[in-house]
């Protein structure tokens, strides 16, 4: 999520994890599925191994995003009173 006022990062969105390598200049694995249905298969073990490296970060960022959304969805009068009390 980006700030409307200055475009700065307020919260991370959907995480993306890339498995394996992709040799640029070669046909992408997902474009070979018509001839090789196994081109994009990733085992459970591979998923667990890669996700274990990022899971804490992904979960922490998800909690931050949920908290931010909760704050943004509070009624406007509650937001104004909190803003005034911080001045």
PDB file of N, CA and C in Angstrom:
ATOM      1  N   UNK A   1       0.850  -1.164   0.000  1.00  0.00           N
ATOM      2  CA  UNK A   1       0.000   0.000   0.000  1.00  0.00           C
ATOM      3  C   UNK A   1       0.895   1.226   0.000  1.00  0.00           C
ATOM      4  N   UNK A   2       0.540   2.153  -0.869  1.00  0.00           N
ATOM      5  CA  UNK A   2       1.299   3.392  -0.954  1.00  0.00           C
ATOM      6  C   UNK A   2       0.480   4.553  -0.408  1.00  0.00           C
ATOM      7  N   UNK A   3       1.157   5.507   0.167  1.00  0.00           N
ATOM      8  CA  UNK A   3       0.516   6.703   0.680  1.00  0.00           C
ATOM      9  C   UNK A   3      -0.030   7.530  -0.484  1.00  0.00           C
ATOM     10  N   UNK A   4      -1.249   8.042  -0.322  1.00  0.00           N
ATOM     11  CA  UNK A   4      -1.812   8.902  -1.362  1.00  0.00           C
ATOM     12  C   UNK A   4      -1.118  10.255  -1.406  1.00  0.00           C
ATOM     13  N   UNK A   5      -0.569  10.680  -0.289  1.00  0.00           N
ATOM     14  CA  UNK A   5       0.027  12.013  -0.248  1.00  0.00           C
ATOM     15  C   UNK A   5       1.403  12.083  -0.900  1.00  0.00           C
ATOM     16  N   UNK A   6       2.254  11.075  -0.635  1.00  0.00           N
ATOM     17  CA  UNK A   6       3.607  11.177  -1.200  1.00  0.00           C
ATOM     18  C   UNK A   6       4.095   9.899  -1.882  1.00  0.00           C
ATOM     19  N   UNK A   7       3.247   8.892  -1.959  1.00  0.00           N
ATOM     20  CA  UNK A   7       3.607   7.657  -2.651  1.00  0.00           C
ATOM     21  C   UNK A   7       4.563   6.759  -1.892  1.00  0.00           C
ATOM     22  N   UNK A   8       4.797   7.062  -0.608  1.00  0.00           N
ATOM     23  CA  UNK A   8       5.712   6.227   0.169  1.00  0.00           C
ATOM     24  C   UNK A   8       5.043   4.903   0.554  1.00  0.00           C
ATOM     25  N   UNK A   9       5.851   3.922   0.847  1.00  0.00           N
ATOM     26  CA  UNK A   9       5.356   2.601   1.206  1.00  0.00           C
ATOM     27  C   UNK A   9       4.775   2.631   2.613  1.00  0.00           C
ATOM     28  N   UNK A  10       3.500   2.253   2.724  1.00  0.00           N
ATOM     29  CA  UNK A  10       2.849   2.182   4.029  1.00  0.00           C
ATOM     30  C   UNK A  10       2.789   0.739   4.518  1.00  0.00           C
ATOM     31  N   UNK A  11       2.580  -0.200   3.605  1.00  0.00           N
ATOM     32  CA  UNK A  11       2.512  -1.618   3.950  1.00  0.00           C
ATOM     33  C   UNK A  11       2.795  -2.448   2.714  1.00  0.00           C
ATOM     34  N   UNK A  12       3.391  -3.605   2.934  1.00  0.00           N
ATOM     35  CA  UNK A  12       3.666  -4.522   1.835  1.00  0.00           C
ATOM     36  C   UNK A  12       2.392  -5.237   1.423  1.00  0.00           C
ATOM     37  N   UNK A  13       2.321  -5.626   0.163  1.00  0.00           N
ATOM     38  CA  UNK A  13       1.167  -6.350  -0.363  1.00  0.00           C
ATOM     39  C   UNK A  13       1.424  -7.842  -0.399  1.00  0.00           C
ATOM     40  N   UNK A  14       0.877  -8.504  -1.395  1.00  0.00           N
ATOM     41  CA  UNK A  14       0.996  -9.948  -1.525  1.00  0.00           C
ATOM     42  C   UNK A  14       2.448 -10.349  -1.777  1.00  0.00           C
ATOM     43  N   UNK A  15       2.973 -11.243  -0.941  1.00  0.00           N
ATOM     44  CA  UNK A  15       4.363 -11.660  -1.166  1.00  0.00           C
ATOM     45  C   UNK A  15       4.484 -12.539  -2.407  1.00  0.00           C
ATOM     46  N   UNK A  16       5.616 -12.439  -3.053  1.00  0.00           N
ATOM     47  CA  UNK A  16       5.917 -13.264  -4.228  1.00  0.00           C
ATOM     48  C   UNK A  16       7.251 -13.954  -3.965  1.00  0.00           C
ATOM     49  N   UNK A  17       7.249 -15.257  -4.101  1.00  0.00           N
ATOM     50  CA  UNK A  17       8.476 -16.029  -3.929  1.00  0.00           C
ATOM     51  C   UNK A  17       8.758 -16.728  -5.251  1.00  0.00           C
ATOM     52  N   UNK A  18       9.960 -16.554  -5.743  1.00  0.00           N
ATOM     53  CA  UNK A  18      10.342 -17.155  -7.021  1.00  0.00           C
ATOM     54  C   UNK A  18      11.184 -18.392  -6.741  1.00  0.00           C
ATOM     55  N   UNK A  19      10.783 -19.498  -7.341  1.00  0.00           N
ATOM     56  CA  UNK A  19      11.486 -20.762  -7.169  1.00  0.00           C
ATOM     57  C   UNK A  19      12.378 -21.023  -8.368  1.00  0.00           C
ATOM     58  N   UNK A  20      13.579 -21.480  -8.088  1.00  0.00           N
ATOM     59  CA  UNK A  20      14.524 -21.906  -9.111  1.00  0.00           C
ATOM     60  C   UNK A  20      15.067 -20.717  -9.889  1.00  0.00           C
ATOM     61  N   UNK A  21      15.830 -21.008 -10.900  1.00  0.00           N
ATOM     62  CA  UNK A  21      16.442 -19.982 -11.734  1.00  0.00           C
ATOM     63  C   UNK A  21      15.711 -19.894 -13.072  1.00  0.00           C
ATOM     64  N   UNK A  22      15.828 -18.750 -13.689  1.00  0.00           N
ATOM     65  CA  UNK A  22      15.266 -18.551 -15.028  1.00  0.00           C
ATOM     66  C   UNK A  22      16.364 -17.972 -15.899  1.00  0.00           C
ATOM     67  N   UNK A  23      16.738 -18.708 -16.921  1.00  0.00           N
ATOM     68  CA  UNK A  23      17.786 -18.249 -17.834  1.00  0.00           C
ATOM     69  C   UNK A  23      17.171 -17.319 -18.870  1.00  0.00           C
ATOM     70  N   UNK A  24      17.484 -16.037 -18.758  1.00  0.00           N
ATOM     71  CA  UNK A  24      16.951 -15.076 -19.724  1.00  0.00           C
ATOM     72  C   UNK A  24      17.453 -15.425 -21.124  1.00  0.00           C
ATOM     73  N   UNK A  25      16.585 -15.268 -22.076  1.00  0.00           N
ATOM     74  CA  UNK A  25      16.910 -15.617 -23.449  1.00  0.00           C
ATOM     75  C   UNK A  25      16.365 -16.983 -23.826  1.00  0.00           C
ATOM     76  N   UNK A  26      16.106 -17.820 -22.821  1.00  0.00           N
ATOM     77  CA  UNK A  26      15.484 -19.117 -23.071  1.00  0.00           C
ATOM     78  C   UNK A  26      13.985 -18.990 -22.880  1.00  0.00           C
ATOM     79  N   UNK A  27      13.249 -19.948 -23.424  1.00  0.00           N
ATOM     80  CA  UNK A  27      11.795 -19.931 -23.279  1.00  0.00           C
ATOM     81  C   UNK A  27      11.446 -20.129 -21.803  1.00  0.00           C
ATOM     82  N   UNK A  28      10.593 -19.270 -21.290  1.00  0.00           N
ATOM     83  CA  UNK A  28      10.193 -19.324 -19.886  1.00  0.00           C
ATOM     84  C   UNK A  28       9.480 -20.639 -19.577  1.00  0.00           C
ATOM     85  N   UNK A  29       9.694 -21.198 -18.375  1.00  0.00           N
ATOM     86  CA  UNK A  29       9.070 -22.471 -18.035  1.00  0.00           C
ATOM     87  C   UNK A  29       7.548 -22.463 -18.178  1.00  0.00           C
ATOM     88  N   UNK A  30       6.907 -21.371 -17.785  1.00  0.00           N
ATOM     89  CA  UNK A  30       5.447 -21.316 -17.877  1.00  0.00           C
ATOM     90  C   UNK A  30       4.950 -21.247 -19.319  1.00  0.00           C
ATOM     91  N   UNK A  31       5.845 -20.912 -20.232  1.00  0.00           N
ATOM     92  CA  UNK A  31       5.464 -20.893 -21.645  1.00  0.00           C
ATOM     93  C   UNK A  31       5.737 -22.233 -22.321  1.00  0.00           C
ATOM     94  N   UNK A  32       6.323 -23.165 -21.574  1.00  0.00           N
ATOM     95  CA  UNK A  32       6.582 -24.504 -22.106  1.00  0.00           C
ATOM     96  C   UNK A  32       5.542 -25.518 -21.653  1.00  0.00           C
ATOM     97  N   UNK A  33       4.560 -25.078 -20.899  1.00  0.00           N
ATOM     98  CA  UNK A  33       3.581 -26.006 -20.336  1.00  0.00           C
ATOM     99  C   UNK A  33       2.805 -26.779 -21.392  1.00  0.00           C
ATOM    100  N   UNK A  34       2.624 -26.208 -22.581  1.00  0.00           N
ATOM    101  CA  UNK A  34       1.895 -26.922 -23.630  1.00  0.00           C
ATOM    102  C   UNK A  34       2.657 -28.152 -24.116  1.00  0.00           C
ATOM    103  N   UNK A  35       3.985 -28.113 -24.038  1.00  0.00           N
ATOM    104  CA  UNK A  35       4.781 -29.258 -24.479  1.00  0.00           C
ATOM    105  C   UNK A  35       5.391 -30.032 -23.320  1.00  0.00           C
ATOM    106  N   UNK A  36       5.521 -29.398 -22.165  1.00  0.00           N
ATOM    107  CA  UNK A  36       6.095 -30.051 -20.978  1.00  0.00           C
ATOM    108  C   UNK A  36       5.234 -29.698 -19.765  1.00  0.00           C
ATOM    109  N   UNK A  37       4.213 -30.509 -19.475  1.00  0.00           N
ATOM    110  CA  UNK A  37       3.295 -30.196 -18.372  1.00  0.00           C
ATOM    111  C   UNK A  37       3.971 -30.166 -16.999  1.00  0.00           C
ATOM    112  N   UNK A  38       5.185 -30.665 -16.908  1.00  0.00           N
ATOM    113  CA  UNK A  38       5.898 -30.691 -15.632  1.00  0.00           C
ATOM    114  C   UNK A  38       6.902 -29.536 -15.495  1.00  0.00           C
ATOM    115  N   UNK A  39       6.896 -28.625 -16.428  1.00  0.00           N
ATOM    116  CA  UNK A  39       7.898 -27.549 -16.469  1.00  0.00           C
ATOM    117  C   UNK A  39       7.874 -26.662 -15.228  1.00  0.00           C
ATOM    118  N   UNK A  40       6.745 -26.542 -14.592  1.00  0.00           N
ATOM    119  CA  UNK A  40       6.645 -25.631 -13.448  1.00  0.00           C
ATOM    120  C   UNK A  40       6.352 -26.343 -12.133  1.00  0.00           C
ATOM    121  N   UNK A  41       6.572 -27.626 -12.077  1.00  0.00           N
ATOM    122  CA  UNK A  41       6.278 -28.375 -10.854  1.00  0.00           C
ATOM    123  C   UNK A  41       7.306 -28.037  -9.781  1.00  0.00           C
ATOM    124  N   UNK A  42       6.791 -27.770  -8.588  1.00  0.00           N
ATOM    125  CA  UNK A  42       7.624 -27.492  -7.420  1.00  0.00           C
ATOM    126  C   UNK A  42       7.163 -28.447  -6.328  1.00  0.00           C
ATOM    127  N   UNK A  43       8.083 -29.140  -5.707  1.00  0.00           N
ATOM    128  CA  UNK A  43       7.716 -30.108  -4.675  1.00  0.00           C
ATOM    129  C   UNK A  43       7.360 -29.395  -3.367  1.00  0.00           C
ATOM    130  N   UNK A  44       6.652 -30.101  -2.510  1.00  0.00           N
ATOM    131  CA  UNK A  44       6.307 -29.566  -1.191  1.00  0.00           C
ATOM    132  C   UNK A  44       7.582 -29.261  -0.414  1.00  0.00           C
ATOM    133  N   UNK A  45       8.558 -30.141  -0.521  1.00  0.00           N
ATOM    134  CA  UNK A  45       9.829 -29.928   0.181  1.00  0.00           C
ATOM    135  C   UNK A  45      10.515 -28.641  -0.282  1.00  0.00           C
ATOM    136  N   UNK A  46      10.482 -28.380  -1.586  1.00  0.00           N
ATOM    137  CA  UNK A  46      11.087 -27.145  -2.113  1.00  0.00           C
ATOM    138  C   UNK A  46      10.338 -25.927  -1.579  1.00  0.00           C
ATOM    139  N   UNK A  47       9.023 -25.999  -1.570  1.00  0.00           N
ATOM    140  CA  UNK A  47       8.213 -24.877  -1.065  1.00  0.00           C
ATOM    141  C   UNK A  47       8.527 -24.626   0.402  1.00  0.00           C
ATOM    142  N   UNK A  48       8.548 -25.691   1.204  1.00  0.00           N
ATOM    143  CA  UNK A  48       8.828 -25.539   2.633  1.00  0.00           C
ATOM    144  C   UNK A  48      10.226 -24.967   2.874  1.00  0.00           C
ATOM    145  N   UNK A  49      11.196 -25.435   2.105  1.00  0.00           N
ATOM    146  CA  UNK A  49      12.566 -24.958   2.267  1.00  0.00           C
ATOM    147  C   UNK A  49      12.674 -23.463   1.967  1.00  0.00           C
ATOM    148  N   UNK A  50      12.094 -23.044   0.866  1.00  0.00           N
ATOM    149  CA  UNK A  50      12.182 -21.635   0.480  1.00  0.00           C
ATOM    150  C   UNK A  50      11.351 -20.762   1.418  1.00  0.00           C
ATOM    151  N   UNK A  51      10.128 -21.182   1.717  1.00  0.00           N
ATOM    152  CA  UNK A  51       9.276 -20.366   2.582  1.00  0.00           C
ATOM    153  C   UNK A  51       9.837 -20.233   3.988  1.00  0.00           C
ATOM    154  N   UNK A  52      10.533 -21.254   4.475  1.00  0.00           N
ATOM    155  CA  UNK A  52      11.085 -21.175   5.823  1.00  0.00           C
ATOM    156  C   UNK A  52      12.054 -20.007   5.961  1.00  0.00           C
ATOM    157  N   UNK A  53      12.679 -19.623   4.872  1.00  0.00           N
ATOM    158  CA  UNK A  53      13.614 -18.492   4.888  1.00  0.00           C
ATOM    159  C   UNK A  53      12.897 -17.149   5.018  1.00  0.00           C
ATOM    160  N   UNK A  54      11.647 -17.085   4.590  1.00  0.00           N
ATOM    161  CA  UNK A  54      10.918 -15.807   4.512  1.00  0.00           C
ATOM    162  C   UNK A  54       9.667 -15.754   5.378  1.00  0.00           C
ATOM    163  N   UNK A  55       9.291 -16.868   5.982  1.00  0.00           N
ATOM    164  CA  UNK A  55       7.994 -16.948   6.655  1.00  0.00           C
ATOM    165  C   UNK A  55       7.813 -15.899   7.746  1.00  0.00           C
ATOM    166  N   UNK A  56       8.806 -15.709   8.597  1.00  0.00           N
ATOM    167  CA  UNK A  56       8.670 -14.726   9.674  1.00  0.00           C
ATOM    168  C   UNK A  56       8.478 -13.316   9.126  1.00  0.00           C
ATOM    169  N   UNK A  57       9.193 -12.985   8.080  1.00  0.00           N
ATOM    170  CA  UNK A  57       9.056 -11.670   7.448  1.00  0.00           C
ATOM    171  C   UNK A  57       7.668 -11.514   6.823  1.00  0.00           C
ATOM    172  N   UNK A  58       7.210 -12.550   6.126  1.00  0.00           N
ATOM    173  CA  UNK A  58       5.886 -12.515   5.487  1.00  0.00           C
ATOM    174  C   UNK A  58       4.803 -12.334   6.540  1.00  0.00           C
ATOM    175  N   UNK A  59       4.871 -13.099   7.623  1.00  0.00           N
ATOM    176  CA  UNK A  59       3.848 -13.010   8.679  1.00  0.00           C
ATOM    177  C   UNK A  59       3.894 -11.658   9.387  1.00  0.00           C
ATOM    178  N   UNK A  60       5.094 -11.156   9.650  1.00  0.00           N
ATOM    179  CA  UNK A  60       5.216  -9.846  10.294  1.00  0.00           C
ATOM    180  C   UNK A  60       4.650  -8.731   9.430  1.00  0.00           C
ATOM    181  N   UNK A  61       4.934  -8.776   8.147  1.00  0.00           N
ATOM    182  CA  UNK A  61       4.404  -7.755   7.237  1.00  0.00           C
ATOM    183  C   UNK A  61       2.895  -7.871   7.091  1.00  0.00           C
ATOM    184  N   UNK A  62       2.378  -9.093   7.145  1.00  0.00           N
ATOM    185  CA  UNK A  62       0.921  -9.281   7.076  1.00  0.00           C
ATOM    186  C   UNK A  62       0.251  -8.674   8.305  1.00  0.00           C
ATOM    187  N   UNK A  63       0.846  -8.870   9.483  1.00  0.00           N
ATOM    188  CA  UNK A  63       0.286  -8.273  10.710  1.00  0.00           C
ATOM    189  C   UNK A  63       0.302  -6.740  10.629  1.00  0.00           C
ATOM    190  N   UNK A  64       1.416  -6.184  10.127  1.00  0.00           N
ATOM    191  CA  UNK A  64       1.507  -4.725   9.986  1.00  0.00           C
ATOM    192  C   UNK A  64       0.439  -4.205   9.024  1.00  0.00           C
ATOM    193  N   UNK A  65       0.233  -4.912   7.925  1.00  0.00           N
ATOM    194  CA  UNK A  65      -0.766  -4.502   6.945  1.00  0.00           C
ATOM    195  C   UNK A  65      -2.165  -4.548   7.550  1.00  0.00           C
ATOM    196  N   UNK A  66      -2.475  -5.630   8.269  1.00  0.00           N
ATOM    197  CA  UNK A  66      -3.786  -5.760   8.907  1.00  0.00           C
ATOM    198  C   UNK A  66      -4.016  -4.642   9.915  1.00  0.00           C
ATOM    199  N   UNK A  67      -2.992  -4.307  10.694  1.00  0.00           N
ATOM    200  CA  UNK A  67      -3.118  -3.223  11.671  1.00  0.00           C
ATOM    201  C   UNK A  67      -3.358  -1.892  10.973  1.00  0.00           C
ATOM    202  N   UNK A  68      -2.642  -1.636   9.896  1.00  0.00           N
ATOM    203  CA  UNK A  68      -2.824  -0.397   9.142  1.00  0.00           C
ATOM    204  C   UNK A  68      -4.224  -0.319   8.555  1.00  0.00           C
ATOM    205  N   UNK A  69      -4.685  -1.393   7.964  1.00  0.00           N
ATOM    206  CA  UNK A  69      -6.032  -1.413   7.391  1.00  0.00           C
ATOM    207  C   UNK A  69      -7.063  -1.173   8.483  1.00  0.00           C
ATOM    208  N   UNK A  70      -6.860  -1.785   9.646  1.00  0.00           N
ATOM    209  CA  UNK A  70      -7.767  -1.560  10.772  1.00  0.00           C
ATOM    210  C   UNK A  70      -7.824  -0.099  11.168  1.00  0.00           C
ATOM    211  N   UNK A  71      -6.673   0.557  11.178  1.00  0.00           N
ATOM    212  CA  UNK A  71      -6.629   1.988  11.511  1.00  0.00           C
ATOM    213  C   UNK A  71      -7.325   2.823  10.434  1.00  0.00           C
ATOM    214  N   UNK A  72      -7.097   2.479   9.181  1.00  0.00           N
ATOM    215  CA  UNK A  72      -7.683   3.254   8.085  1.00  0.00           C
ATOM    216  C   UNK A  72      -9.196   3.082   7.988  1.00  0.00           C
ATOM    217  N   UNK A  73      -9.713   1.972   8.483  1.00  0.00           N
ATOM    218  CA  UNK A  73     -11.145   1.709   8.395  1.00  0.00           C
ATOM    219  C   UNK A  73     -11.926   2.210   9.607  1.00  0.00           C
ATOM    220  N   UNK A  74     -11.224   2.762  10.600  1.00  0.00           N
ATOM    221  CA  UNK A  74     -11.930   3.308  11.763  1.00  0.00           C
ATOM    222  C   UNK A  74     -12.748   4.516  11.333  1.00  0.00           C
ATOM    223  N   UNK A  75     -13.858   4.774  12.021  1.00  0.00           N
ATOM    224  CA  UNK A  75     -14.687   5.934  11.665  1.00  0.00           C
ATOM    225  C   UNK A  75     -13.892   7.233  11.689  1.00  0.00           C
ATOM    226  N   UNK A  76     -14.257   8.149  10.803  1.00  0.00           N
ATOM    227  CA  UNK A  76     -13.544   9.416  10.633  1.00  0.00           C
ATOM    228  C   UNK A  76     -13.491  10.224  11.933  1.00  0.00           C
ATOM    229  N   UNK A  77     -14.592  10.284  12.710  1.00  0.00           N
ATOM    230  CA  UNK A  77     -14.589  11.073  13.946  1.00  0.00           C
ATOM    231  C   UNK A  77     -13.599  10.494  14.953  1.00  0.00           C
ATOM    232  N   UNK A  78     -13.431   9.179  14.988  1.00  0.00           N
ATOM    233  CA  UNK A  78     -12.450   8.556  15.872  1.00  0.00           C
ATOM    234  C   UNK A  78     -11.041   8.925  15.419  1.00  0.00           C
ATOM    235  N   UNK A  79     -10.804   8.938  14.133  1.00  0.00           N
ATOM    236  CA  UNK A  79      -9.503   9.300  13.575  1.00  0.00           C
ATOM    237  C   UNK A  79      -9.163  10.743  13.905  1.00  0.00           C
ATOM    238  N   UNK A  80     -10.131  11.651  13.793  1.00  0.00           N
ATOM    239  CA  UNK A  80      -9.881  13.066  14.097  1.00  0.00           C
ATOM    240  C   UNK A  80      -9.559  13.268  15.563  1.00  0.00           C
ATOM    241  N   UNK A  81     -10.265  12.557  16.459  1.00  0.00           N
ATOM    242  CA  UNK A  81     -10.006  12.725  17.879  1.00  0.00           C
ATOM    243  C   UNK A  81      -8.621  12.189  18.234  1.00  0.00           C
ATOM    244  N   UNK A  82      -8.188  11.092  17.612  1.00  0.00           N
ATOM    245  CA  UNK A  82      -6.855  10.561  17.867  1.00  0.00           C
ATOM    246  C   UNK A  82      -5.793  11.511  17.337  1.00  0.00           C
ATOM    247  N   UNK A  83      -6.046  12.142  16.197  1.00  0.00           N
ATOM    248  CA  UNK A  83      -5.094  13.077  15.613  1.00  0.00           C
ATOM    249  C   UNK A  83      -4.945  14.293  16.523  1.00  0.00           C
ATOM    250  N   UNK A  84      -6.050  14.799  17.038  1.00  0.00           N
ATOM    251  CA  UNK A  84      -6.006  15.956  17.931  1.00  0.00           C
ATOM    252  C   UNK A  84      -5.266  15.619  19.217  1.00  0.00           C
ATOM    253  N   UNK A  85      -5.459  14.414  19.751  1.00  0.00           N
ATOM    254  CA  UNK A  85      -4.818  14.060  21.011  1.00  0.00           C
ATOM    255  C   UNK A  85      -3.301  13.887  20.852  1.00  0.00           C
ATOM    256  N   UNK A  86      -2.830  13.682  19.632  1.00  0.00           N
ATOM    257  CA  UNK A  86      -1.398  13.542  19.406  1.00  0.00           C
ATOM    258  C   UNK A  86      -0.709  14.885  19.235  1.00  0.00           C
ATOM    259  N   UNK A  87      -1.457  15.946  18.995  1.00  0.00           N
ATOM    260  CA  UNK A  87      -0.866  17.285  18.802  1.00  0.00           C
ATOM    261  C   UNK A  87      -0.315  17.855  20.081  1.00  0.00           C
TER     262      UNK A  87
END
